[in-house]
Amino acid sequence: MSTISSSKESSFWDLWKSKKDQDAGDYLVKKYMPLVHYHVQRIATGLPKSVKREELKSLALVGLFDAIEKFDPTRDLKFDTYASFRIRGSIIDGLRKEDWLPRSLREKSKRIEAAMERLEQSLMRNATLEELAEELSMPEEEIAAITHEVFFSNVLSIDDMPKDQDDSTQQAFALKDESSISPEEELLKSEEIQQLIDQIEKLNDNEKLVISLFYKEELTLTEIGQVLGLTTSRISQIHSKAIFKLRKELTAMI
């Protein structure tokens, strides 16, 4: 599937490119449909259960159609590599444009954001988790859980191989150059990393330190508390506040 090697497939590409022959188009879609299933499976493993696979498949098909429309078979390029980039990009773009969180969770998130803005305006400083909890009459644990879920709902795990596939299935869908990063993917990844770095730099010193110790040094919240001479509860509050800020800013940029 990785190259246009057979005369039959070449003839279908010729018919599609020269005449937009419907039968040729149907053949190419069916030929590369396994790529759609493969990328839907991979991306779905890192998403909330509320995101339906049929919705991901629809987004993936848009990417496949776009790839078939724009691909130049005369170039020295594997179609499955080109199509994979288009399919993944279409799914990710579609996810970013939609709100996949349950309505109840989104409403609570909006309440938390509104309360945070009110408190920050009245206090002239960042609100603590305790102050938010008191303002909203909600448990601190619930506020932290909602903040984390809303933030991580925007994170797409597309690098891990699905654990529910057996070896034979994995080999059947493996792309030969999967270990290499395309220029487009490298540019996109660099831009996203730079955006994250820029937003982390806007955090206060305690928040930046907690984020660094937790995610870079991989210390537990308790260990960070011991390093900084603060309680685990206080470290948890700083961490939750930092994640909330990052989620809010990065979501606004999408």
C-alpha atoms as a PDB file:
ATOM      1  CA  MET A   1       0.000   0.000   0.000  1.00  0.00           C
ATOM      2  CA  SER A   2       2.954   2.319   0.574  1.00  0.00           C
ATOM      3  CA  THR A   3       3.830   2.923  -3.092  1.00  0.00           C
ATOM      4  CA  ILE A   4       1.986   3.249  -6.356  1.00  0.00           C
ATOM      5  CA  SER A   5       3.596   0.150  -7.785  1.00  0.00           C
ATOM      6  CA  SER A   6       0.914  -1.704  -9.690  1.00  0.00           C
ATOM      7  CA  SER A   7      -0.151  -0.688 -13.180  1.00  0.00           C
ATOM      8  CA  LYS A   8      -3.756  -1.055 -12.039  1.00  0.00           C
ATOM      9  CA  GLU A   9      -3.399   1.499  -9.295  1.00  0.00           C
ATOM     10  CA  SER A  10      -1.425   3.806 -11.579  1.00  0.00           C
ATOM     11  CA  SER A  11      -4.213   3.685 -14.124  1.00  0.00           C
ATOM     12  CA  PHE A  12      -6.764   4.605 -11.457  1.00  0.00           C
ATOM     13  CA  TRP A  13      -4.626   7.567 -10.411  1.00  0.00           C
ATOM     14  CA  ASP A  14      -4.394   8.656 -14.071  1.00  0.00           C
ATOM     15  CA  LEU A  15      -8.164   8.423 -14.500  1.00  0.00           C
ATOM     16  CA  TRP A  16      -8.798  10.343 -11.299  1.00  0.00           C
ATOM     17  CA  LYS A  17      -6.309  13.126 -12.008  1.00  0.00           C
ATOM     18  CA  SER A  18      -7.185  13.570 -15.679  1.00  0.00           C
ATOM     19  CA  LYS A  19     -10.954  13.013 -15.670  1.00  0.00           C
ATOM     20  CA  LYS A  20     -12.022  12.903 -12.013  1.00  0.00           C
ATOM     21  CA  ASP A  21     -13.441   9.463 -12.816  1.00  0.00           C
ATOM     22  CA  GLN A  22     -15.853   8.454 -10.028  1.00  0.00           C
ATOM     23  CA  ASP A  23     -14.972   4.757 -10.161  1.00  0.00           C
ATOM     24  CA  ALA A  24     -11.290   5.596  -9.880  1.00  0.00           C
ATOM     25  CA  GLY A  25     -11.981   7.860  -6.916  1.00  0.00           C
ATOM     26  CA  ASP A  26     -14.005   5.139  -5.192  1.00  0.00           C
ATOM     27  CA  TYR A  27     -11.199   2.646  -5.745  1.00  0.00           C
ATOM     28  CA  LEU A  28      -8.602   4.946  -4.162  1.00  0.00           C
ATOM     29  CA  VAL A  29     -10.820   5.673  -1.162  1.00  0.00           C
ATOM     30  CA  LYS A  30     -11.392   1.958  -0.547  1.00  0.00           C
ATOM     31  CA  LYS A  31      -7.717   1.196  -1.117  1.00  0.00           C
ATOM     32  CA  TYR A  32      -6.577   3.591   1.593  1.00  0.00           C
ATOM     33  CA  MET A  33      -9.495   3.258   3.996  1.00  0.00           C
ATOM     34  CA  PRO A  34      -7.279   1.226   6.408  1.00  0.00           C
ATOM     35  CA  LEU A  35      -5.322   4.445   7.020  1.00  0.00           C
ATOM     36  CA  VAL A  36      -8.523   6.089   8.245  1.00  0.00           C
ATOM     37  CA  HIS A  37      -9.235   3.240  10.673  1.00  0.00           C
ATOM     38  CA  TYR A  38      -5.626   3.201  11.841  1.00  0.00           C
ATOM     39  CA  HIS A  39      -5.423   6.884  12.743  1.00  0.00           C
ATOM     40  CA  VAL A  40      -8.891   6.966  14.270  1.00  0.00           C
ATOM     41  CA  GLN A  41      -7.868   4.068  16.512  1.00  0.00           C
ATOM     42  CA  ARG A  42      -4.616   5.738  17.566  1.00  0.00           C
ATOM     43  CA  ILE A  43      -6.077   9.144  18.339  1.00  0.00           C
ATOM     44  CA  ALA A  44      -9.202   7.777  20.021  1.00  0.00           C
ATOM     45  CA  THR A  45      -7.105   6.091  22.717  1.00  0.00           C
ATOM     46  CA  GLY A  46      -6.090   9.481  24.103  1.00  0.00           C
ATOM     47  CA  LEU A  47      -9.514  11.156  24.095  1.00  0.00           C
ATOM     48  CA  PRO A  48     -12.441  11.259  26.546  1.00  0.00           C
ATOM     49  CA  LYS A  49     -15.116   8.598  26.066  1.00  0.00           C
ATOM     50  CA  SER A  50     -17.584  11.320  25.107  1.00  0.00           C
ATOM     51  CA  VAL A  51     -15.817  11.635  21.748  1.00  0.00           C
ATOM     52  CA  LYS A  52     -17.421   9.101  19.404  1.00  0.00           C
ATOM     53  CA  ARG A  53     -15.253   7.196  16.958  1.00  0.00           C
ATOM     54  CA  GLU A  54     -17.768   7.755  14.171  1.00  0.00           C
ATOM     55  CA  GLU A  55     -17.184  11.484  14.569  1.00  0.00           C
ATOM     56  CA  LEU A  56     -13.432  10.935  14.360  1.00  0.00           C
ATOM     57  CA  LYS A  57     -13.927   8.774  11.278  1.00  0.00           C
ATOM     58  CA  SER A  58     -15.873  11.546   9.557  1.00  0.00           C
ATOM     59  CA  LEU A  59     -13.022  13.966  10.239  1.00  0.00           C
ATOM     60  CA  ALA A  60     -10.479  11.402   9.022  1.00  0.00           C
ATOM     61  CA  LEU A  61     -12.376  10.868   5.786  1.00  0.00           C
ATOM     62  CA  VAL A  62     -12.234  14.579   5.085  1.00  0.00           C
ATOM     63  CA  GLY A  63      -8.455  14.311   5.392  1.00  0.00           C
ATOM     64  CA  LEU A  64      -8.320  11.289   3.082  1.00  0.00           C
ATOM     65  CA  PHE A  65     -10.482  13.002   0.429  1.00  0.00           C
ATOM     66  CA  ASP A  66      -8.282  16.078   0.656  1.00  0.00           C
ATOM     67  CA  ALA A  67      -5.158  13.948   0.236  1.00  0.00           C
ATOM     68  CA  ILE A  68      -6.545  12.147  -2.816  1.00  0.00           C
ATOM     69  CA  GLU A  69      -7.576  15.479  -4.329  1.00  0.00           C
ATOM     70  CA  LYS A  70      -4.188  17.168  -3.833  1.00  0.00           C
ATOM     71  CA  PHE A  71      -1.713  14.300  -4.212  1.00  0.00           C
ATOM     72  CA  ASP A  72       0.601  14.357  -7.207  1.00  0.00           C
ATOM     73  CA  PRO A  73       1.381  10.728  -8.178  1.00  0.00           C
ATOM     74  CA  THR A  74       4.259  11.858 -10.404  1.00  0.00           C
ATOM     75  CA  ARG A  75       6.265  12.990  -7.387  1.00  0.00           C
ATOM     76  CA  ASP A  76       8.629  10.664  -5.540  1.00  0.00           C
ATOM     77  CA  LEU A  77       6.415  10.514  -2.452  1.00  0.00           C
ATOM     78  CA  LYS A  78       4.533   7.675  -0.783  1.00  0.00           C
ATOM     79  CA  PHE A  79       0.820   8.341  -0.756  1.00  0.00           C
ATOM     80  CA  ASP A  80       0.223   6.650   2.604  1.00  0.00           C
ATOM     81  CA  THR A  81       2.791   8.963   4.223  1.00  0.00           C
ATOM     82  CA  TYR A  82       1.241  12.036   2.616  1.00  0.00           C
ATOM     83  CA  ALA A  83      -2.303  10.900   3.420  1.00  0.00           C
ATOM     84  CA  SER A  84      -1.407  10.071   7.023  1.00  0.00           C
ATOM     85  CA  PHE A  85      -0.346  13.654   7.640  1.00  0.00           C
ATOM     86  CA  ARG A  86      -3.567  14.959   6.067  1.00  0.00           C
ATOM     87  CA  ILE A  87      -5.772  12.526   7.999  1.00  0.00           C
ATOM     88  CA  ARG A  88      -4.175  13.256  11.377  1.00  0.00           C
ATOM     89  CA  GLY A  89      -4.282  16.974  10.692  1.00  0.00           C
ATOM     90  CA  SER A  90      -7.953  16.846   9.745  1.00  0.00           C
ATOM     91  CA  ILE A  91      -8.867  14.982  12.946  1.00  0.00           C
ATOM     92  CA  ILE A  92      -6.875  17.331  15.163  1.00  0.00           C
ATOM     93  CA  ASP A  93      -8.236  20.460  13.464  1.00  0.00           C
ATOM     94  CA  GLY A  94     -11.769  19.129  13.829  1.00  0.00           C
ATOM     95  CA  LEU A  95     -11.276  18.366  17.512  1.00  0.00           C
ATOM     96  CA  ARG A  96      -9.890  21.811  18.180  1.00  0.00           C
ATOM     97  CA  LYS A  97     -12.925  23.454  16.592  1.00  0.00           C
ATOM     98  CA  GLU A  98     -15.415  21.431  18.627  1.00  0.00           C
ATOM     99  CA  ASP A  99     -16.262  21.362  22.311  1.00  0.00           C
ATOM    100  CA  TRP A 100     -16.262  17.663  23.211  1.00  0.00           C
ATOM    101  CA  LEU A 101     -16.818  18.126  26.921  1.00  0.00           C
ATOM    102  CA  PRO A 102     -20.222  17.270  28.439  1.00  0.00           C
ATOM    103  CA  ARG A 103     -22.424  20.354  28.801  1.00  0.00           C
ATOM    104  CA  SER A 104     -22.590  20.027  32.589  1.00  0.00           C
ATOM    105  CA  LEU A 105     -18.803  20.017  32.867  1.00  0.00           C
ATOM    106  CA  ARG A 106     -18.476  22.964  30.519  1.00  0.00           C
ATOM    107  CA  GLU A 107     -21.026  24.947  32.542  1.00  0.00           C
ATOM    108  CA  LYS A 108     -19.103  24.277  35.766  1.00  0.00           C
ATOM    109  CA  SER A 109     -15.881  25.294  34.044  1.00  0.00           C
ATOM    110  CA  LYS A 110     -17.453  28.595  32.978  1.00  0.00           C
ATOM    111  CA  ARG A 111     -18.627  29.206  36.557  1.00  0.00           C
ATOM    112  CA  ILE A 112     -15.103  28.610  37.846  1.00  0.00           C
ATOM    113  CA  GLU A 113     -13.610  30.975  35.267  1.00  0.00           C
ATOM    114  CA  ALA A 114     -16.157  33.685  36.078  1.00  0.00           C
ATOM    115  CA  ALA A 115     -15.547  33.323  39.822  1.00  0.00           C
ATOM    116  CA  MET A 116     -11.801  33.469  39.305  1.00  0.00           C
ATOM    117  CA  GLU A 117     -12.107  36.708  37.341  1.00  0.00           C
ATOM    118  CA  ARG A 118     -14.369  38.250  40.000  1.00  0.00           C
ATOM    119  CA  LEU A 119     -12.013  37.331  42.811  1.00  0.00           C
ATOM    120  CA  GLU A 120      -8.921  38.515  40.978  1.00  0.00           C
ATOM    121  CA  GLN A 121     -10.556  41.874  40.266  1.00  0.00           C
ATOM    122  CA  SER A 122     -11.672  42.343  43.866  1.00  0.00           C
ATOM    123  CA  LEU A 123      -8.526  40.983  45.514  1.00  0.00           C
ATOM    124  CA  MET A 124      -6.090  42.450  42.963  1.00  0.00           C
ATOM    125  CA  ARG A 125      -4.173  39.174  42.974  1.00  0.00           C
ATOM    126  CA  ASN A 126      -4.516  35.539  41.961  1.00  0.00           C
ATOM    127  CA  ALA A 127      -7.297  33.733  43.807  1.00  0.00           C
ATOM    128  CA  THR A 128      -6.406  30.630  45.797  1.00  0.00           C
ATOM    129  CA  LEU A 129      -8.167  27.313  45.459  1.00  0.00           C
ATOM    130  CA  GLU A 130      -9.727  27.777  48.910  1.00  0.00           C
ATOM    131  CA  GLU A 131     -11.113  31.191  47.934  1.00  0.00           C
ATOM    132  CA  LEU A 132     -12.589  29.754  44.755  1.00  0.00           C
ATOM    133  CA  ALA A 133     -14.167  26.913  46.689  1.00  0.00           C
ATOM    134  CA  GLU A 134     -15.715  29.339  49.164  1.00  0.00           C
ATOM    135  CA  GLU A 135     -16.942  31.658  46.422  1.00  0.00           C
ATOM    136  CA  LEU A 136     -18.621  28.812  44.528  1.00  0.00           C
ATOM    137  CA  SER A 137     -19.635  26.664  47.506  1.00  0.00           C
ATOM    138  CA  MET A 138     -17.862  23.748  45.848  1.00  0.00           C
ATOM    139  CA  PRO A 139     -15.305  21.298  47.250  1.00  0.00           C
ATOM    140  CA  GLU A 140     -11.694  22.119  46.381  1.00  0.00           C
ATOM    141  CA  GLU A 141     -11.232  18.602  45.011  1.00  0.00           C
ATOM    142  CA  GLU A 142     -14.088  19.083  42.541  1.00  0.00           C
ATOM    143  CA  ILE A 143     -12.704  22.383  41.286  1.00  0.00           C
ATOM    144  CA  ALA A 144      -9.252  20.837  40.798  1.00  0.00           C
ATOM    145  CA  ALA A 145     -10.738  17.796  39.007  1.00  0.00           C
ATOM    146  CA  ILE A 146     -12.804  19.959  36.637  1.00  0.00           C
ATOM    147  CA  THR A 147      -9.806  22.174  35.902  1.00  0.00           C
ATOM    148  CA  HIS A 148      -7.635  19.197  35.055  1.00  0.00           C
ATOM    149  CA  GLU A 149     -10.239  17.469  32.905  1.00  0.00           C
ATOM    150  CA  VAL A 150     -10.985  20.591  30.895  1.00  0.00           C
ATOM    151  CA  PHE A 151      -7.273  21.199  30.363  1.00  0.00           C
ATOM    152  CA  PHE A 152      -6.357  17.681  29.380  1.00  0.00           C
ATOM    153  CA  SER A 153      -9.375  17.294  27.097  1.00  0.00           C
ATOM    154  CA  ASN A 154      -7.387  19.448  24.671  1.00  0.00           C
ATOM    155  CA  VAL A 155      -4.361  17.170  24.734  1.00  0.00           C
ATOM    156  CA  LEU A 156      -4.351  14.602  21.946  1.00  0.00           C
ATOM    157  CA  SER A 157      -2.197  11.529  22.404  1.00  0.00           C
ATOM    158  CA  ILE A 158      -1.240  10.521  18.869  1.00  0.00           C
ATOM    159  CA  ASP A 159       2.133   8.939  19.547  1.00  0.00           C
ATOM    160  CA  ASP A 160       1.204   5.839  21.568  1.00  0.00           C
ATOM    161  CA  MET A 161       0.346   2.597  19.822  1.00  0.00           C
ATOM    162  CA  PRO A 162      -3.095   1.321  20.872  1.00  0.00           C
ATOM    163  CA  LYS A 163      -2.670  -1.359  23.518  1.00  0.00           C
ATOM    164  CA  ASP A 164      -5.708  -3.326  22.360  1.00  0.00           C
ATOM    165  CA  GLN A 165      -4.164  -4.270  19.031  1.00  0.00           C
ATOM    166  CA  ASP A 166      -2.299  -7.533  18.610  1.00  0.00           C
ATOM    167  CA  ASP A 167       1.100  -7.657  16.925  1.00  0.00           C
ATOM    168  CA  SER A 168      -0.254  -8.812  13.584  1.00  0.00           C
ATOM    169  CA  THR A 169      -2.667  -5.871  13.388  1.00  0.00           C
ATOM    170  CA  GLN A 170       0.072  -3.418  14.312  1.00  0.00           C
ATOM    171  CA  GLN A 171       2.342  -4.781  11.601  1.00  0.00           C
ATOM    172  CA  ALA A 172      -0.418  -4.648   9.018  1.00  0.00           C
ATOM    173  CA  PHE A 173      -0.878  -0.930   9.508  1.00  0.00           C
ATOM    174  CA  ALA A 174       2.731   0.049  10.214  1.00  0.00           C
ATOM    175  CA  LEU A 175       4.181   2.861   8.113  1.00  0.00           C
ATOM    176  CA  LYS A 176       7.770   2.272   7.099  1.00  0.00           C
ATOM    177  CA  ASP A 177       8.962   5.771   7.925  1.00  0.00           C
ATOM    178  CA  GLU A 178       6.920   6.172  11.105  1.00  0.00           C
ATOM    179  CA  SER A 179      10.026   6.826  13.198  1.00  0.00           C
ATOM    180  CA  SER A 180      10.895   9.928  11.198  1.00  0.00           C
ATOM    181  CA  ILE A 181       9.161  13.280  11.654  1.00  0.00           C
ATOM    182  CA  SER A 182       7.976  15.093   8.550  1.00  0.00           C
ATOM    183  CA  PRO A 183       8.912  18.777   8.148  1.00  0.00           C
ATOM    184  CA  GLU A 184       5.261  19.749   8.598  1.00  0.00           C
ATOM    185  CA  GLU A 185       4.950  17.754  11.833  1.00  0.00           C
ATOM    186  CA  GLU A 186       8.242  19.111  13.158  1.00  0.00           C
ATOM    187  CA  LEU A 187       7.141  22.689  12.459  1.00  0.00           C
ATOM    188  CA  LEU A 188       3.739  22.135  14.081  1.00  0.00           C
ATOM    189  CA  LYS A 189       5.314  20.511  17.132  1.00  0.00           C
ATOM    190  CA  SER A 190       7.868  23.326  17.464  1.00  0.00           C
ATOM    191  CA  GLU A 191       5.148  25.967  17.298  1.00  0.00           C
ATOM    192  CA  GLU A 192       3.042  24.217  19.950  1.00  0.00           C
ATOM    193  CA  ILE A 193       6.040  23.776  22.257  1.00  0.00           C
ATOM    194  CA  GLN A 194       6.980  27.445  21.854  1.00  0.00           C
ATOM    195  CA  GLN A 195       3.408  28.506  22.649  1.00  0.00           C
ATOM    196  CA  LEU A 196       3.507  26.406  25.814  1.00  0.00           C
ATOM    197  CA  ILE A 197       6.902  27.832  26.820  1.00  0.00           C
ATOM    198  CA  ASP A 198       5.645  31.380  26.278  1.00  0.00           C
ATOM    199  CA  GLN A 199       2.626  30.786  28.503  1.00  0.00           C
ATOM    200  CA  ILE A 200       4.681  29.090  31.232  1.00  0.00           C
ATOM    201  CA  GLU A 201       6.952  32.160  31.307  1.00  0.00           C
ATOM    202  CA  LYS A 202       3.905  34.268  32.192  1.00  0.00           C
ATOM    203  CA  LEU A 203       3.286  32.262  35.383  1.00  0.00           C
ATOM    204  CA  ASN A 204       4.546  33.570  38.712  1.00  0.00           C
ATOM    205  CA  ASP A 205       7.780  32.153  40.177  1.00  0.00           C
ATOM    206  CA  ASN A 206       6.122  29.589  42.455  1.00  0.00           C
ATOM    207  CA  GLU A 207       3.902  28.297  39.657  1.00  0.00           C
ATOM    208  CA  LYS A 208       6.810  27.981  37.216  1.00  0.00           C
ATOM    209  CA  LEU A 209       8.877  26.154  39.838  1.00  0.00           C
ATOM    210  CA  VAL A 210       6.092  23.691  40.684  1.00  0.00           C
ATOM    211  CA  ILE A 211       5.429  22.991  36.987  1.00  0.00           C
ATOM    212  CA  SER A 212       9.146  22.402  36.395  1.00  0.00           C
ATOM    213  CA  LEU A 213       9.605  20.114  39.396  1.00  0.00           C
ATOM    214  CA  PHE A 214       6.429  18.145  38.669  1.00  0.00           C
ATOM    215  CA  TYR A 215       6.720  17.657  34.890  1.00  0.00           C
ATOM    216  CA  LYS A 216      10.449  17.980  34.222  1.00  0.00           C
ATOM    217  CA  GLU A 217      11.988  16.582  37.403  1.00  0.00           C
ATOM    218  CA  GLU A 218       9.000  14.227  37.940  1.00  0.00           C
ATOM    219  CA  LEU A 219       8.747  14.882  41.676  1.00  0.00           C
ATOM    220  CA  THR A 220       5.498  14.130  43.484  1.00  0.00           C
ATOM    221  CA  LEU A 221       3.476  16.964  45.010  1.00  0.00           C
ATOM    222  CA  THR A 222       4.567  15.787  48.458  1.00  0.00           C
ATOM    223  CA  GLU A 223       8.247  15.818  47.443  1.00  0.00           C
ATOM    224  CA  ILE A 224       7.857  19.307  45.959  1.00  0.00           C
ATOM    225  CA  GLY A 225       6.287  20.459  49.231  1.00  0.00           C
ATOM    226  CA  GLN A 226       9.294  19.141  51.125  1.00  0.00           C
ATOM    227  CA  VAL A 227      11.681  20.938  48.760  1.00  0.00           C
ATOM    228  CA  LEU A 228       9.844  24.254  49.031  1.00  0.00           C
ATOM    229  CA  GLY A 229       8.865  23.933  52.684  1.00  0.00           C
ATOM    230  CA  LEU A 230       5.136  24.030  51.888  1.00  0.00           C
ATOM    231  CA  THR A 231       2.295  21.616  52.567  1.00  0.00           C
ATOM    232  CA  THR A 232       1.176  19.142  49.913  1.00  0.00           C
ATOM    233  CA  SER A 233      -2.204  20.880  49.886  1.00  0.00           C
ATOM    234  CA  ARG A 234      -0.567  24.218  49.098  1.00  0.00           C
ATOM    235  CA  ILE A 235       1.537  22.684  46.316  1.00  0.00           C
ATOM    236  CA  SER A 236      -1.619  21.125  44.880  1.00  0.00           C
ATOM    237  CA  GLN A 237      -3.286  24.537  44.867  1.00  0.00           C
ATOM    238  CA  ILE A 238      -0.334  26.154  43.080  1.00  0.00           C
ATOM    239  CA  HIS A 239      -0.264  23.319  40.542  1.00  0.00           C
ATOM    240  CA  SER A 240      -4.017  23.524  39.897  1.00  0.00           C
ATOM    241  CA  LYS A 241      -3.866  27.294  39.482  1.00  0.00           C
ATOM    242  CA  ALA A 242      -0.969  27.042  37.015  1.00  0.00           C
ATOM    243  CA  ILE A 243      -2.709  24.366  34.953  1.00  0.00           C
ATOM    244  CA  PHE A 244      -5.909  26.418  34.938  1.00  0.00           C
ATOM    245  CA  LYS A 245      -4.030  29.469  33.648  1.00  0.00           C
ATOM    246  CA  LEU A 246      -2.249  27.478  30.940  1.00  0.00           C
ATOM    247  CA  ARG A 247      -5.443  25.772  29.835  1.00  0.00           C
ATOM    248  CA  LYS A 248      -7.282  29.091  29.650  1.00  0.00           C
ATOM    249  CA  GLU A 249      -4.582  30.816  27.605  1.00  0.00           C
ATOM    250  CA  LEU A 250      -3.858  27.913  25.245  1.00  0.00           C
ATOM    251  CA  THR A 251      -7.546  27.280  24.610  1.00  0.00           C
ATOM    252  CA  ALA A 252      -8.016  30.952  23.712  1.00  0.00           C
ATOM    253  CA  MET A 253      -5.230  30.611  21.131  1.00  0.00           C
ATOM    254  CA  ILE A 254      -6.871  27.666  19.328  1.00  0.00           C
END
